[in-house]
C-alpha atoms as a PDB file:
ATOM      1  CA  UNK A   1       0.179  -0.083   0.179  1.00  0.00           C
ATOM      2  CA  UNK A   2       1.003   3.357  -0.484  1.00  0.00           C
ATOM      3  CA  UNK A   3       1.593   6.551   1.998  1.00  0.00           C
ATOM      4  CA  UNK A   4      -1.734   8.285   0.562  1.00  0.00           C
ATOM      5  CA  UNK A   5      -4.152   5.109   1.278  1.00  0.00           C
ATOM      6  CA  UNK A   6      -2.435   4.854   4.396  1.00  0.00           C
ATOM      7  CA  UNK A   7      -2.771   8.368   5.543  1.00  0.00           C
ATOM      8  CA  UNK A   8      -6.240   8.714   4.146  1.00  0.00           C
ATOM      9  CA  UNK A   9      -7.329   5.006   5.743  1.00  0.00           C
ATOM     10  CA  UNK A  10      -6.045   7.059   9.219  1.00  0.00           C
ATOM     11  CA  UNK A  11      -8.637   9.980   8.635  1.00  0.00           C
ATOM     12  CA  UNK A  12     -11.320   7.552   8.534  1.00  0.00           C
ATOM     13  CA  UNK A  13     -14.708   9.580   8.748  1.00  0.00           C
ATOM     14  CA  UNK A  14     -15.602   9.833  12.569  1.00  0.00           C
ATOM     15  CA  UNK A  15     -17.653  12.552  12.845  1.00  0.00           C
ATOM     16  CA  UNK A  16     -14.633  14.828  11.742  1.00  0.00           C
ATOM     17  CA  UNK A  17     -14.576  16.999   8.250  1.00  0.00           C
ATOM     18  CA  UNK A  18     -13.947  15.191   5.532  1.00  0.00           C
ATOM     19  CA  UNK A  19     -11.289  15.322   3.748  1.00  0.00           C
ATOM     20  CA  UNK A  20      -9.510  16.063   6.489  1.00  0.00           C
ATOM     21  CA  UNK A  21      -8.292  20.379   6.585  1.00  0.00           C
ATOM     22  CA  UNK A  22      -5.630  21.288   4.166  1.00  0.00           C
ATOM     23  CA  UNK A  23      -2.618  22.374   5.877  1.00  0.00           C
ATOM     24  CA  UNK A  24      -0.309  24.485   3.681  1.00  0.00           C
ATOM     25  CA  UNK A  25       2.050  24.997   6.385  1.00  0.00           C
ATOM     26  CA  UNK A  26       3.132  21.277   6.926  1.00  0.00           C
ATOM     27  CA  UNK A  27       3.253  20.868   2.812  1.00  0.00           C
ATOM     28  CA  UNK A  28       5.673  24.488   2.888  1.00  0.00           C
ATOM     29  CA  UNK A  29       7.346  22.165   5.717  1.00  0.00           C
ATOM     30  CA  UNK A  30       7.790  19.367   3.127  1.00  0.00           C
ATOM     31  CA  UNK A  31       8.427  20.896   0.333  1.00  0.00           C
ATOM     32  CA  UNK A  32      11.346  22.574   1.444  1.00  0.00           C
ATOM     33  CA  UNK A  33      12.720  19.024   2.754  1.00  0.00           C
ATOM     34  CA  UNK A  34      12.434  17.678  -0.652  1.00  0.00           C
ATOM     35  CA  UNK A  35      14.028  21.068  -2.345  1.00  0.00           C
ATOM     36  CA  UNK A  36      16.938  20.826   0.296  1.00  0.00           C
ATOM     37  CA  UNK A  37      17.810  17.380   0.276  1.00  0.00           C
ATOM     38  CA  UNK A  38      19.904  16.946  -2.758  1.00  0.00           C
ATOM     39  CA  UNK A  39      21.701  19.272  -2.171  1.00  0.00           C
ATOM     40  CA  UNK A  40      23.155  18.283   1.291  1.00  0.00           C
ATOM     41  CA  UNK A  41      23.319  14.551  -0.145  1.00  0.00           C
ATOM     42  CA  UNK A  42      25.991  16.437  -2.313  1.00  0.00           C
ATOM     43  CA  UNK A  43      27.385  18.375   0.456  1.00  0.00           C
ATOM     44  CA  UNK A  44      26.383  21.714  -0.856  1.00  0.00           C
ATOM     45  CA  UNK A  45      24.938  24.052   2.092  1.00  0.00           C
ATOM     46  CA  UNK A  46      21.369  25.381   0.732  1.00  0.00           C
ATOM     47  CA  UNK A  47      19.313  27.865   2.676  1.00  0.00           C
ATOM     48  CA  UNK A  48      15.782  28.780   1.276  1.00  0.00           C
ATOM     49  CA  UNK A  49      14.890  32.933   1.083  1.00  0.00           C
ATOM     50  CA  UNK A  50      11.986  33.188   2.259  1.00  0.00           C
ATOM     51  CA  UNK A  51       9.824  36.519   1.324  1.00  0.00           C
ATOM     52  CA  UNK A  52       8.532  37.825  -1.962  1.00  0.00           C
ATOM     53  CA  UNK A  53       5.215  38.533  -2.970  1.00  0.00           C
ATOM     54  CA  UNK A  54       4.812  35.172  -3.148  1.00  0.00           C
ATOM     55  CA  UNK A  55       4.921  35.084   1.323  1.00  0.00           C
ATOM     56  CA  UNK A  56       2.806  38.629   1.441  1.00  0.00           C
ATOM     57  CA  UNK A  57       0.011  37.650   3.539  1.00  0.00           C
ATOM     58  CA  UNK A  58      -2.512  40.468   4.470  1.00  0.00           C
ATOM     59  CA  UNK A  59      -3.423  40.564   8.245  1.00  0.00           C
ATOM     60  CA  UNK A  60      -6.299  38.517   8.425  1.00  0.00           C
ATOM     61  CA  UNK A  61      -9.637  41.041   8.320  1.00  0.00           C
ATOM     62  CA  UNK A  62      -7.280  43.311   7.216  1.00  0.00           C
ATOM     63  CA  UNK A  63      -8.842  45.031   3.839  1.00  0.00           C
ATOM     64  CA  UNK A  64      -7.364  45.353   0.930  1.00  0.00           C
ATOM     65  CA  UNK A  65      -8.076  47.918  -1.856  1.00  0.00           C
ATOM     66  CA  UNK A  66      -9.484  45.148  -4.503  1.00  0.00           C
ATOM     67  CA  UNK A  67     -11.791  44.153  -1.418  1.00  0.00           C
ATOM     68  CA  UNK A  68     -12.762  48.079  -0.997  1.00  0.00           C
ATOM     69  CA  UNK A  69     -13.213  47.722  -4.781  1.00  0.00           C
ATOM     70  CA  UNK A  70     -15.550  44.138  -4.969  1.00  0.00           C
ATOM     71  CA  UNK A  71     -17.294  46.274  -1.964  1.00  0.00           C
ATOM     72  CA  UNK A  72     -18.577  49.442  -4.019  1.00  0.00           C
ATOM     73  CA  UNK A  73     -18.609  47.555  -7.476  1.00  0.00           C
ATOM     74  CA  UNK A  74     -21.676  45.137  -5.860  1.00  0.00           C
ATOM     75  CA  UNK A  75     -22.735  48.217  -3.721  1.00  0.00           C
ATOM     76  CA  UNK A  76     -23.735  49.383  -6.954  1.00  0.00           C
ATOM     77  CA  UNK A  77     -25.603  46.429  -8.564  1.00  0.00           C
ATOM     78  CA  UNK A  78     -23.163  45.558 -10.958  1.00  0.00           C
ATOM     79  CA  UNK A  79     -23.037  42.300 -10.512  1.00  0.00           C
ATOM     80  CA  UNK A  80     -26.890  41.921 -10.718  1.00  0.00           C
ATOM     81  CA  UNK A  81     -27.009  43.505 -14.100  1.00  0.00           C
ATOM     82  CA  UNK A  82     -24.226  40.957 -15.158  1.00  0.00           C
ATOM     83  CA  UNK A  83     -26.415  38.254 -14.531  1.00  0.00           C
ATOM     84  CA  UNK A  84     -29.535  39.940 -15.709  1.00  0.00           C
ATOM     85  CA  UNK A  85     -27.266  40.715 -19.188  1.00  0.00           C
ATOM     86  CA  UNK A  86     -26.044  37.079 -19.320  1.00  0.00           C
ATOM     87  CA  UNK A  87     -29.854  36.183 -18.593  1.00  0.00           C
ATOM     88  CA  UNK A  88     -31.705  38.102 -21.461  1.00  0.00           C
ATOM     89  CA  UNK A  89     -29.198  39.194 -23.752  1.00  0.00           C
ATOM     90  CA  UNK A  90     -30.591  42.751 -22.645  1.00  0.00           C
ATOM     91  CA  UNK A  91     -27.289  45.230 -22.284  1.00  0.00           C
ATOM     92  CA  UNK A  92     -26.064  46.321 -18.507  1.00  0.00           C
ATOM     93  CA  UNK A  93     -26.511  49.997 -18.242  1.00  0.00           C
ATOM     94  CA  UNK A  94     -24.058  52.271 -19.307  1.00  0.00           C
ATOM     95  CA  UNK A  95     -24.103  54.025 -16.127  1.00  0.00           C
ATOM     96  CA  UNK A  96     -23.665  51.226 -14.542  1.00  0.00           C
ATOM     97  CA  UNK A  97     -20.561  49.532 -16.534  1.00  0.00           C
ATOM     98  CA  UNK A  98     -18.800  53.133 -16.146  1.00  0.00           C
ATOM     99  CA  UNK A  99     -19.148  53.276 -12.637  1.00  0.00           C
ATOM    100  CA  UNK A 100     -16.882  49.623 -12.301  1.00  0.00           C
ATOM    101  CA  UNK A 101     -14.481  50.728 -15.203  1.00  0.00           C
ATOM    102  CA  UNK A 102     -13.890  53.682 -13.180  1.00  0.00           C
ATOM    103  CA  UNK A 103     -13.686  52.043  -9.782  1.00  0.00           C
ATOM    104  CA  UNK A 104     -11.041  49.466 -11.143  1.00  0.00           C
ATOM    105  CA  UNK A 105      -8.821  52.059 -12.388  1.00  0.00           C
ATOM    106  CA  UNK A 106      -8.772  53.771  -9.313  1.00  0.00           C
ATOM    107  CA  UNK A 107      -8.325  50.810  -7.424  1.00  0.00           C
ATOM    108  CA  UNK A 108      -5.412  50.233 -10.103  1.00  0.00           C
ATOM    109  CA  UNK A 109      -4.303  53.504  -9.250  1.00  0.00           C
ATOM    110  CA  UNK A 110      -4.193  53.802  -5.114  1.00  0.00           C
ATOM    111  CA  UNK A 111      -2.223  49.331  -5.408  1.00  0.00           C
ATOM    112  CA  UNK A 112       0.379  51.105  -7.545  1.00  0.00           C
ATOM    113  CA  UNK A 113       1.024  53.995  -4.584  1.00  0.00           C
ATOM    114  CA  UNK A 114       3.766  53.852  -2.440  1.00  0.00           C
ATOM    115  CA  UNK A 115       3.160  54.141   0.309  1.00  0.00           C
ATOM    116  CA  UNK A 116      -0.820  53.242  -0.084  1.00  0.00           C
ATOM    117  CA  UNK A 117      -3.055  55.654   2.392  1.00  0.00           C
ATOM    118  CA  UNK A 118      -3.929  54.041   5.044  1.00  0.00           C
ATOM    119  CA  UNK A 119      -7.721  56.206   4.614  1.00  0.00           C
ATOM    120  CA  UNK A 120      -8.056  54.352   0.991  1.00  0.00           C
ATOM    121  CA  UNK A 121     -11.600  53.311   1.919  1.00  0.00           C
ATOM    122  CA  UNK A 122     -12.624  57.043   2.580  1.00  0.00           C
ATOM    123  CA  UNK A 123     -15.014  58.400   0.065  1.00  0.00           C
ATOM    124  CA  UNK A 124     -12.538  61.250  -1.710  1.00  0.00           C
ATOM    125  CA  UNK A 125     -10.638  58.597  -3.293  1.00  0.00           C
ATOM    126  CA  UNK A 126     -13.551  56.454  -4.742  1.00  0.00           C
ATOM    127  CA  UNK A 127     -15.777  57.566  -7.468  1.00  0.00           C
ATOM    128  CA  UNK A 128     -19.564  58.803  -6.599  1.00  0.00           C
ATOM    129  CA  UNK A 129     -22.473  56.338  -7.235  1.00  0.00           C
ATOM    130  CA  UNK A 130     -25.509  58.607  -8.604  1.00  0.00           C
ATOM    131  CA  UNK A 131     -26.548  56.456 -10.716  1.00  0.00           C
END
């Protein structure tokens, strides 16, 4: 039997969630070990440099610029109009499309700022929803 089937058998349903919760840290650890192994066997010192964009994690509960943009787009009712458009073939009203385009543009520009303003959720940065 393989390791996988033994692992699955050991997590037999016991009233807990199925499949077992995904453990990202455990998988990351396994990847680091598998990358290091051939180098260490060859007598080379190998150091994993952590960080960069892949390691950027926002704090739980913090709002990102993209989250704020999505909230504003949802508040404008864009998704309802988009679904209606897909179902009936009727076009999305121009003002709604234009507002979404403006919000996406502002979100892109705010993400480019360095540093990003701490009050980016303030209405002064975003287009008015005068629909």
